[in-house]
Amino acid sequence: MAQDATVTWLTQDAYDRLAAELEQLSTTGREEIAKRIEAAREEGDLKENGGYHAAKDEQGKIEARIRQLKGLLKSAEVGEAPASKGIVESGTVITAVIAGDEETFLIGSREIAGDSELDVWSEQSPLGAAILGLKVGDKTSYTAPNGREIAVEVTAVDTWGGQ
């Protein structure tokens, strides 16, 4: 399993879902927003045309998502979830005591989890970076964005089952 920060691990299901979203946004998504922009343009004065500005904002969001998806899919490592070896790695479900509270979450990209209710922490997040490579029972701490030092103990590492 590559730990390069530019590589994102995805299940085949997640990859297929994201590729379908990219295809939809690149084709019908772009066509629909172009039609909305044109219709709003025909309404007249663009300076005070709320529909035009809303459509242009949405177009920017669609284009940003297309760029994000292209980058993600280009750098994706597609495969099965790594079988848990008791070591925190991308694609594993972690149970840890964080600042005294037990939490269960997935390490990896939010895109892996899809519609799951499971929280997801990136490998590049302060928490993710602090625990990557740790084993069950290991303790560490990380500095939160607010500057506070937060204690973490890994209590379980499980294989991601896709739910």
N, C-alpha and C. Protein backbone atom coordinates (compact mmCIF):
# COMPACT_ATOMS: atom_id res chain seq x y z
N MET A 1 0.86 -1.18 0.00
CA MET A 1 0.00 0.00 0.00
C MET A 1 0.90 1.23 0.00
N ALA A 2 0.77 2.04 -1.01
CA ALA A 2 1.59 3.24 -1.11
C ALA A 2 1.16 4.26 -0.08
N GLN A 3 2.13 4.91 0.54
CA GLN A 3 1.81 5.94 1.52
C GLN A 3 2.17 7.32 0.98
N ASP A 4 2.47 7.42 -0.33
CA ASP A 4 2.78 8.69 -0.95
C ASP A 4 1.57 9.61 -0.80
N ALA A 5 1.81 10.85 -0.40
CA ALA A 5 0.71 11.79 -0.15
C ALA A 5 -0.10 12.07 -1.40
N THR A 6 0.47 11.85 -2.60
CA THR A 6 -0.27 12.13 -3.83
C THR A 6 -1.11 10.95 -4.29
N VAL A 7 -0.97 9.80 -3.66
CA VAL A 7 -1.73 8.62 -4.02
C VAL A 7 -2.91 8.48 -3.06
N THR A 8 -4.10 8.24 -3.63
CA THR A 8 -5.30 8.05 -2.83
C THR A 8 -5.80 6.64 -3.07
N TRP A 9 -5.95 5.87 -2.00
CA TRP A 9 -6.48 4.52 -2.12
C TRP A 9 -7.99 4.59 -2.26
N LEU A 10 -8.53 3.85 -3.24
CA LEU A 10 -9.98 3.76 -3.45
C LEU A 10 -10.37 2.32 -3.71
N THR A 11 -11.55 1.94 -3.25
CA THR A 11 -12.09 0.64 -3.63
C THR A 11 -12.53 0.75 -5.09
N GLN A 12 -12.73 -0.38 -5.73
CA GLN A 12 -13.22 -0.36 -7.11
C GLN A 12 -14.59 0.31 -7.18
N ASP A 13 -15.43 0.04 -6.18
CA ASP A 13 -16.75 0.64 -6.13
C ASP A 13 -16.66 2.17 -6.06
N ALA A 14 -15.79 2.67 -5.19
CA ALA A 14 -15.61 4.13 -5.05
C ALA A 14 -15.06 4.72 -6.34
N TYR A 15 -14.09 4.05 -6.96
CA TYR A 15 -13.51 4.52 -8.21
C TYR A 15 -14.59 4.60 -9.29
N ASP A 16 -15.39 3.54 -9.42
CA ASP A 16 -16.46 3.52 -10.43
C ASP A 16 -17.48 4.62 -10.17
N ARG A 17 -17.85 4.82 -8.91
CA ARG A 17 -18.82 5.86 -8.54
C ARG A 17 -18.29 7.25 -8.91
N LEU A 18 -17.01 7.50 -8.62
CA LEU A 18 -16.41 8.80 -8.92
C LEU A 18 -16.23 9.00 -10.42
N ALA A 19 -15.87 7.93 -11.13
CA ALA A 19 -15.74 8.03 -12.58
C ALA A 19 -17.08 8.34 -13.23
N ALA A 20 -18.16 7.74 -12.72
CA ALA A 20 -19.50 8.02 -13.24
C ALA A 20 -19.89 9.47 -12.95
N GLU A 21 -19.56 9.96 -11.75
CA GLU A 21 -19.85 11.36 -11.42
C GLU A 21 -19.09 12.29 -12.35
N LEU A 22 -17.82 11.98 -12.60
CA LEU A 22 -17.01 12.80 -13.51
C LEU A 22 -17.62 12.82 -14.90
N GLU A 23 -18.03 11.67 -15.39
CA GLU A 23 -18.65 11.57 -16.72
C GLU A 23 -19.92 12.41 -16.78
N GLN A 24 -20.75 12.31 -15.74
CA GLN A 24 -22.01 13.06 -15.72
C GLN A 24 -21.74 14.57 -15.68
N LEU A 25 -20.83 15.00 -14.83
CA LEU A 25 -20.53 16.43 -14.73
C LEU A 25 -19.89 16.97 -16.01
N SER A 26 -19.03 16.16 -16.64
CA SER A 26 -18.32 16.59 -17.84
C SER A 26 -19.24 16.68 -19.06
N THR A 27 -20.34 15.96 -19.03
CA THR A 27 -21.23 15.95 -20.20
C THR A 27 -22.53 16.69 -19.87
N THR A 28 -23.50 16.00 -19.34
CA THR A 28 -24.81 16.63 -19.09
C THR A 28 -24.74 17.75 -18.07
N GLY A 29 -23.88 17.64 -17.08
CA GLY A 29 -23.75 18.71 -16.08
C GLY A 29 -23.31 20.02 -16.72
N ARG A 30 -22.30 19.95 -17.58
CA ARG A 30 -21.82 21.15 -18.29
C ARG A 30 -22.89 21.68 -19.25
N GLU A 31 -23.56 20.76 -19.95
CA GLU A 31 -24.58 21.19 -20.90
C GLU A 31 -25.73 21.91 -20.20
N GLU A 32 -26.19 21.35 -19.08
CA GLU A 32 -27.30 21.95 -18.35
C GLU A 32 -26.94 23.33 -17.80
N ILE A 33 -25.75 23.48 -17.25
CA ILE A 33 -25.38 24.78 -16.70
C ILE A 33 -25.18 25.80 -17.81
N ALA A 34 -24.68 25.37 -18.95
CA ALA A 34 -24.53 26.29 -20.09
C ALA A 34 -25.89 26.79 -20.55
N LYS A 35 -26.89 25.91 -20.57
CA LYS A 35 -28.24 26.32 -20.95
C LYS A 35 -28.81 27.31 -19.94
N ARG A 36 -28.58 27.07 -18.65
CA ARG A 36 -29.08 27.98 -17.62
C ARG A 36 -28.41 29.35 -17.73
N ILE A 37 -27.11 29.36 -18.02
CA ILE A 37 -26.41 30.63 -18.18
C ILE A 37 -26.96 31.38 -19.39
N GLU A 38 -27.15 30.68 -20.48
CA GLU A 38 -27.67 31.31 -21.70
C GLU A 38 -29.08 31.86 -21.47
N ALA A 39 -29.93 31.10 -20.79
CA ALA A 39 -31.29 31.56 -20.51
C ALA A 39 -31.26 32.80 -19.62
N ALA A 40 -30.39 32.81 -18.64
CA ALA A 40 -30.29 33.97 -17.75
C ALA A 40 -29.72 35.17 -18.49
N ARG A 41 -28.80 34.92 -19.40
CA ARG A 41 -28.19 35.99 -20.20
C ARG A 41 -29.25 36.70 -21.05
N GLU A 42 -30.19 35.92 -21.54
CA GLU A 42 -31.25 36.47 -22.40
C GLU A 42 -32.23 37.35 -21.63
N GLU A 43 -32.19 37.28 -20.29
CA GLU A 43 -33.08 38.09 -19.48
C GLU A 43 -32.66 39.55 -19.43
N GLY A 44 -31.48 39.86 -19.91
CA GLY A 44 -31.07 41.26 -19.96
C GLY A 44 -29.88 41.58 -19.10
N ASP A 45 -29.91 42.75 -18.49
CA ASP A 45 -28.82 43.34 -17.72
C ASP A 45 -28.16 42.32 -16.79
N LEU A 46 -26.89 42.01 -17.07
CA LEU A 46 -26.18 40.99 -16.29
C LEU A 46 -25.73 41.49 -14.93
N LYS A 47 -25.62 42.81 -14.76
CA LYS A 47 -25.16 43.36 -13.49
C LYS A 47 -26.13 43.04 -12.36
N GLU A 48 -27.40 43.04 -12.65
CA GLU A 48 -28.41 42.82 -11.62
C GLU A 48 -29.20 41.54 -11.84
N ASN A 49 -28.62 40.61 -12.56
CA ASN A 49 -29.31 39.37 -12.90
C ASN A 49 -28.86 38.27 -11.93
N GLY A 50 -29.65 38.05 -10.88
CA GLY A 50 -29.30 37.05 -9.85
C GLY A 50 -29.22 35.64 -10.41
N GLY A 51 -30.10 35.30 -11.35
CA GLY A 51 -30.08 33.97 -11.95
C GLY A 51 -28.80 33.71 -12.72
N TYR A 52 -28.32 34.73 -13.42
CA TYR A 52 -27.08 34.61 -14.18
C TYR A 52 -25.90 34.38 -13.23
N HIS A 53 -25.82 35.19 -12.17
CA HIS A 53 -24.71 35.07 -11.23
C HIS A 53 -24.75 33.74 -10.48
N ALA A 54 -25.94 33.27 -10.13
CA ALA A 54 -26.07 31.98 -9.46
C ALA A 54 -25.62 30.85 -10.39
N ALA A 55 -26.01 30.94 -11.66
CA ALA A 55 -25.61 29.91 -12.63
C ALA A 55 -24.10 29.93 -12.86
N LYS A 56 -23.50 31.11 -12.91
CA LYS A 56 -22.04 31.20 -13.08
C LYS A 56 -21.32 30.64 -11.85
N ASP A 57 -21.86 30.91 -10.66
CA ASP A 57 -21.27 30.33 -9.44
C ASP A 57 -21.35 28.81 -9.48
N GLU A 58 -22.49 28.29 -9.89
CA GLU A 58 -22.64 26.84 -9.97
C GLU A 58 -21.70 26.26 -11.01
N GLN A 59 -21.52 26.96 -12.12
CA GLN A 59 -20.58 26.51 -13.15
C GLN A 59 -19.18 26.40 -12.56
N GLY A 60 -18.79 27.39 -11.75
CA GLY A 60 -17.46 27.35 -11.12
C GLY A 60 -17.32 26.16 -10.19
N LYS A 61 -18.39 25.85 -9.45
CA LYS A 61 -18.36 24.70 -8.54
C LYS A 61 -18.26 23.39 -9.32
N ILE A 62 -18.99 23.30 -10.43
CA ILE A 62 -18.93 22.09 -11.26
C ILE A 62 -17.52 21.91 -11.83
N GLU A 63 -16.94 22.98 -12.34
CA GLU A 63 -15.59 22.89 -12.91
C GLU A 63 -14.56 22.53 -11.84
N ALA A 64 -14.74 23.08 -10.64
CA ALA A 64 -13.82 22.73 -9.54
C ALA A 64 -13.95 21.25 -9.19
N ARG A 65 -15.17 20.74 -9.13
CA ARG A 65 -15.38 19.32 -8.81
C ARG A 65 -14.80 18.44 -9.92
N ILE A 66 -14.95 18.86 -11.17
CA ILE A 66 -14.37 18.09 -12.29
C ILE A 66 -12.85 18.02 -12.13
N ARG A 67 -12.22 19.15 -11.82
CA ARG A 67 -10.76 19.15 -11.61
C ARG A 67 -10.38 18.25 -10.43
N GLN A 68 -11.15 18.33 -9.34
CA GLN A 68 -10.87 17.50 -8.17
C GLN A 68 -10.98 16.02 -8.52
N LEU A 69 -12.05 15.66 -9.22
CA LEU A 69 -12.26 14.25 -9.58
C LEU A 69 -11.17 13.75 -10.53
N LYS A 70 -10.79 14.56 -11.51
CA LYS A 70 -9.73 14.15 -12.44
C LYS A 70 -8.44 13.89 -11.69
N GLY A 71 -8.08 14.79 -10.78
CA GLY A 71 -6.85 14.60 -10.00
C GLY A 71 -6.92 13.38 -9.11
N LEU A 72 -8.06 13.20 -8.46
CA LEU A 72 -8.25 12.06 -7.57
C LEU A 72 -8.17 10.74 -8.33
N LEU A 73 -8.86 10.65 -9.44
CA LEU A 73 -8.87 9.41 -10.22
C LEU A 73 -7.51 9.13 -10.87
N LYS A 74 -6.82 10.20 -11.26
CA LYS A 74 -5.50 10.04 -11.88
C LYS A 74 -4.49 9.46 -10.89
N SER A 75 -4.60 9.88 -9.61
CA SER A 75 -3.63 9.44 -8.61
C SER A 75 -4.15 8.28 -7.76
N ALA A 76 -5.28 7.71 -8.15
CA ALA A 76 -5.89 6.67 -7.31
C ALA A 76 -5.17 5.34 -7.43
N GLU A 77 -5.07 4.69 -6.30
CA GLU A 77 -4.62 3.30 -6.24
C GLU A 77 -5.87 2.49 -5.93
N VAL A 78 -6.30 1.70 -6.90
CA VAL A 78 -7.56 0.98 -6.78
C VAL A 78 -7.29 -0.45 -6.34
N GLY A 79 -8.07 -0.90 -5.36
CA GLY A 79 -7.92 -2.27 -4.90
C GLY A 79 -8.85 -2.55 -3.74
N GLU A 80 -8.71 -3.71 -3.21
CA GLU A 80 -9.51 -4.10 -2.05
C GLU A 80 -8.97 -3.39 -0.82
N ALA A 81 -9.84 -3.24 0.15
CA ALA A 81 -9.41 -2.66 1.42
C ALA A 81 -8.30 -3.53 1.99
N PRO A 82 -7.27 -2.91 2.54
CA PRO A 82 -6.19 -3.72 3.10
C PRO A 82 -6.70 -4.54 4.28
N ALA A 83 -6.29 -5.81 4.30
CA ALA A 83 -6.65 -6.65 5.44
C ALA A 83 -5.93 -6.10 6.66
N SER A 84 -6.64 -5.96 7.74
CA SER A 84 -6.07 -5.38 8.93
C SER A 84 -4.94 -6.26 9.46
N LYS A 85 -3.81 -5.64 9.69
CA LYS A 85 -2.67 -6.32 10.30
C LYS A 85 -2.38 -5.70 11.66
N GLY A 86 -3.39 -4.95 12.14
CA GLY A 86 -3.21 -4.28 13.43
C GLY A 86 -2.39 -3.01 13.32
N ILE A 87 -2.15 -2.55 12.09
CA ILE A 87 -1.36 -1.34 11.85
C ILE A 87 -2.25 -0.32 11.14
N VAL A 88 -2.21 0.91 11.59
CA VAL A 88 -3.00 1.98 10.97
C VAL A 88 -2.44 2.28 9.59
N GLU A 89 -3.27 2.12 8.57
CA GLU A 89 -2.90 2.49 7.20
C GLU A 89 -4.13 2.95 6.46
N SER A 90 -3.92 3.56 5.31
CA SER A 90 -5.03 4.05 4.51
C SER A 90 -5.98 2.92 4.19
N GLY A 91 -7.27 3.17 4.41
CA GLY A 91 -8.28 2.17 4.10
C GLY A 91 -8.63 1.28 5.27
N THR A 92 -8.13 1.57 6.46
CA THR A 92 -8.50 0.78 7.63
C THR A 92 -9.41 1.59 8.55
N VAL A 93 -10.22 0.85 9.30
CA VAL A 93 -11.12 1.46 10.27
C VAL A 93 -10.44 1.43 11.63
N ILE A 94 -10.34 2.60 12.23
CA ILE A 94 -9.60 2.75 13.47
C ILE A 94 -10.56 3.05 14.62
N THR A 95 -10.33 2.42 15.74
CA THR A 95 -10.99 2.80 16.98
C THR A 95 -9.88 3.32 17.88
N ALA A 96 -10.08 4.52 18.39
CA ALA A 96 -9.05 5.15 19.21
C ALA A 96 -9.69 5.98 20.30
N VAL A 97 -8.96 6.11 21.38
CA VAL A 97 -9.37 7.02 22.45
C VAL A 97 -8.65 8.34 22.16
N ILE A 98 -9.46 9.36 21.86
CA ILE A 98 -8.92 10.66 21.50
C ILE A 98 -9.39 11.67 22.53
N ALA A 99 -8.46 12.24 23.25
CA ALA A 99 -8.76 13.21 24.31
C ALA A 99 -9.79 12.63 25.28
N GLY A 100 -9.68 11.32 25.58
CA GLY A 100 -10.55 10.68 26.55
C GLY A 100 -11.84 10.10 25.99
N ASP A 101 -12.16 10.37 24.72
CA ASP A 101 -13.39 9.85 24.11
C ASP A 101 -13.05 8.79 23.07
N GLU A 102 -13.79 7.68 23.09
CA GLU A 102 -13.56 6.64 22.09
C GLU A 102 -14.27 7.02 20.79
N GLU A 103 -13.54 6.93 19.68
CA GLU A 103 -14.08 7.24 18.36
C GLU A 103 -13.68 6.15 17.39
N THR A 104 -14.56 5.89 16.42
CA THR A 104 -14.27 4.95 15.34
C THR A 104 -14.38 5.72 14.03
N PHE A 105 -13.37 5.56 13.17
CA PHE A 105 -13.33 6.32 11.93
C PHE A 105 -12.49 5.58 10.89
N LEU A 106 -12.61 6.01 9.67
CA LEU A 106 -11.86 5.45 8.55
C LEU A 106 -10.70 6.37 8.24
N ILE A 107 -9.53 5.81 7.97
CA ILE A 107 -8.38 6.60 7.52
C ILE A 107 -8.35 6.52 6.00
N GLY A 108 -8.38 7.65 5.35
CA GLY A 108 -8.34 7.69 3.89
C GLY A 108 -9.10 8.88 3.35
N SER A 109 -9.62 8.71 2.16
CA SER A 109 -10.36 9.77 1.48
C SER A 109 -11.85 9.67 1.80
N ARG A 110 -12.50 10.79 1.95
CA ARG A 110 -13.96 10.81 2.17
C ARG A 110 -14.67 10.06 1.05
N GLU A 111 -14.05 10.04 -0.11
CA GLU A 111 -14.65 9.40 -1.27
C GLU A 111 -14.76 7.89 -1.09
N ILE A 112 -13.92 7.29 -0.27
CA ILE A 112 -13.98 5.85 -0.03
C ILE A 112 -15.29 5.49 0.66
N ALA A 113 -15.67 6.29 1.63
CA ALA A 113 -16.80 5.97 2.48
C ALA A 113 -18.15 6.11 1.79
N GLY A 114 -18.22 6.88 0.72
CA GLY A 114 -19.49 7.03 0.01
C GLY A 114 -20.59 7.53 0.93
N ASP A 115 -21.67 6.77 1.04
CA ASP A 115 -22.82 7.16 1.85
C ASP A 115 -22.73 6.68 3.30
N SER A 116 -21.62 6.10 3.68
CA SER A 116 -21.45 5.59 5.04
C SER A 116 -21.53 6.74 6.05
N GLU A 117 -22.02 6.43 7.22
CA GLU A 117 -22.09 7.41 8.30
C GLU A 117 -20.75 7.53 9.04
N LEU A 118 -19.81 6.67 8.70
CA LEU A 118 -18.52 6.64 9.38
C LEU A 118 -17.73 7.92 9.11
N ASP A 119 -17.16 8.50 10.17
CA ASP A 119 -16.28 9.66 9.98
C ASP A 119 -15.04 9.21 9.23
N VAL A 120 -14.46 10.13 8.47
CA VAL A 120 -13.25 9.83 7.70
C VAL A 120 -12.20 10.90 8.00
N TRP A 121 -11.00 10.44 8.30
CA TRP A 121 -9.87 11.34 8.52
C TRP A 121 -8.83 11.06 7.45
N SER A 122 -8.38 12.10 6.80
CA SER A 122 -7.34 12.01 5.78
C SER A 122 -6.01 11.62 6.42
N GLU A 123 -5.18 10.96 5.64
CA GLU A 123 -3.84 10.62 6.12
C GLU A 123 -3.02 11.89 6.35
N GLN A 124 -3.39 12.98 5.68
CA GLN A 124 -2.64 14.23 5.80
C GLN A 124 -3.16 15.12 6.94
N SER A 125 -4.30 14.75 7.53
CA SER A 125 -4.83 15.55 8.65
C SER A 125 -3.89 15.39 9.84
N PRO A 126 -3.92 16.32 10.78
CA PRO A 126 -3.05 16.17 11.96
C PRO A 126 -3.24 14.83 12.67
N LEU A 127 -4.50 14.40 12.85
CA LEU A 127 -4.75 13.11 13.50
C LEU A 127 -4.25 11.96 12.63
N GLY A 128 -4.61 11.98 11.35
CA GLY A 128 -4.20 10.92 10.44
C GLY A 128 -2.69 10.76 10.38
N ALA A 129 -1.98 11.88 10.22
CA ALA A 129 -0.52 11.85 10.15
C ALA A 129 0.09 11.32 11.45
N ALA A 130 -0.53 11.64 12.57
CA ALA A 130 0.01 11.21 13.88
C ALA A 130 -0.12 9.72 14.10
N ILE A 131 -1.20 9.12 13.60
CA ILE A 131 -1.43 7.70 13.91
C ILE A 131 -1.04 6.75 12.78
N LEU A 132 -0.78 7.25 11.59
CA LEU A 132 -0.40 6.39 10.47
C LEU A 132 0.82 5.55 10.85
N GLY A 133 0.70 4.25 10.70
CA GLY A 133 1.81 3.34 11.02
C GLY A 133 1.81 2.83 12.45
N LEU A 134 0.94 3.36 13.31
CA LEU A 134 0.88 2.88 14.69
C LEU A 134 0.19 1.52 14.77
N LYS A 135 0.44 0.82 15.87
CA LYS A 135 -0.18 -0.48 16.11
C LYS A 135 -1.19 -0.35 17.25
N VAL A 136 -2.04 -1.36 17.36
CA VAL A 136 -3.00 -1.40 18.47
C VAL A 136 -2.23 -1.31 19.78
N GLY A 137 -2.68 -0.42 20.65
CA GLY A 137 -2.03 -0.21 21.94
C GLY A 137 -1.05 0.96 21.93
N ASP A 138 -0.62 1.41 20.75
CA ASP A 138 0.31 2.55 20.68
C ASP A 138 -0.39 3.84 21.09
N LYS A 139 0.38 4.70 21.73
CA LYS A 139 -0.12 6.01 22.14
C LYS A 139 0.74 7.09 21.50
N THR A 140 0.10 8.21 21.20
CA THR A 140 0.80 9.35 20.64
C THR A 140 -0.02 10.59 20.96
N SER A 141 0.39 11.69 20.42
CA SER A 141 -0.40 12.92 20.52
C SER A 141 -0.17 13.71 19.24
N TYR A 142 -1.05 14.65 19.00
CA TYR A 142 -0.90 15.53 17.84
C TYR A 142 -1.35 16.92 18.24
N THR A 143 -0.91 17.88 17.47
CA THR A 143 -1.28 19.26 17.72
C THR A 143 -2.47 19.61 16.85
N ALA A 144 -3.57 19.98 17.47
CA ALA A 144 -4.78 20.37 16.76
C ALA A 144 -4.56 21.75 16.12
N PRO A 145 -5.37 22.09 15.14
CA PRO A 145 -5.24 23.42 14.50
C PRO A 145 -5.32 24.58 15.49
N ASN A 146 -5.98 24.39 16.62
CA ASN A 146 -6.07 25.47 17.61
C ASN A 146 -4.84 25.52 18.52
N GLY A 147 -3.84 24.62 18.27
CA GLY A 147 -2.60 24.61 19.04
C GLY A 147 -2.61 23.69 20.25
N ARG A 148 -3.76 23.11 20.54
CA ARG A 148 -3.89 22.22 21.70
C ARG A 148 -3.28 20.85 21.39
N GLU A 149 -2.58 20.29 22.34
CA GLU A 149 -2.00 18.96 22.20
C GLU A 149 -3.06 17.93 22.60
N ILE A 150 -3.32 16.96 21.72
CA ILE A 150 -4.39 15.99 21.96
C ILE A 150 -3.80 14.59 22.01
N ALA A 151 -4.08 13.87 23.10
CA ALA A 151 -3.58 12.51 23.30
C ALA A 151 -4.46 11.51 22.53
N VAL A 152 -3.80 10.50 21.96
CA VAL A 152 -4.50 9.47 21.18
C VAL A 152 -3.93 8.10 21.55
N GLU A 153 -4.83 7.12 21.73
CA GLU A 153 -4.41 5.73 21.91
C GLU A 153 -5.20 4.88 20.92
N VAL A 154 -4.50 4.14 20.07
CA VAL A 154 -5.15 3.26 19.10
C VAL A 154 -5.58 1.99 19.83
N THR A 155 -6.89 1.69 19.80
CA THR A 155 -7.40 0.52 20.53
C THR A 155 -7.81 -0.61 19.59
N ALA A 156 -8.07 -0.31 18.31
CA ALA A 156 -8.41 -1.37 17.36
C ALA A 156 -8.16 -0.87 15.94
N VAL A 157 -7.75 -1.80 15.08
CA VAL A 157 -7.57 -1.51 13.65
C VAL A 157 -8.28 -2.64 12.92
N ASP A 158 -9.28 -2.29 12.11
CA ASP A 158 -10.08 -3.28 11.41
C ASP A 158 -10.07 -3.06 9.92
N THR A 159 -10.43 -4.10 9.19
CA THR A 159 -10.53 -4.01 7.74
C THR A 159 -11.80 -3.25 7.37
N TRP A 160 -11.70 -2.34 6.42
CA TRP A 160 -12.85 -1.58 5.94
C TRP A 160 -13.75 -2.53 5.17
N GLY A 161 -15.00 -2.60 5.60
CA GLY A 161 -15.95 -3.51 4.96
C GLY A 161 -16.85 -2.84 3.95
N GLY A 162 -16.69 -1.55 3.76
CA GLY A 162 -17.49 -0.85 2.76
C GLY A 162 -18.84 -0.36 3.26
N GLN A 163 -19.13 -0.44 4.54
CA GLN A 163 -20.43 0.02 5.03
C GLN A 163 -20.25 1.28 5.84
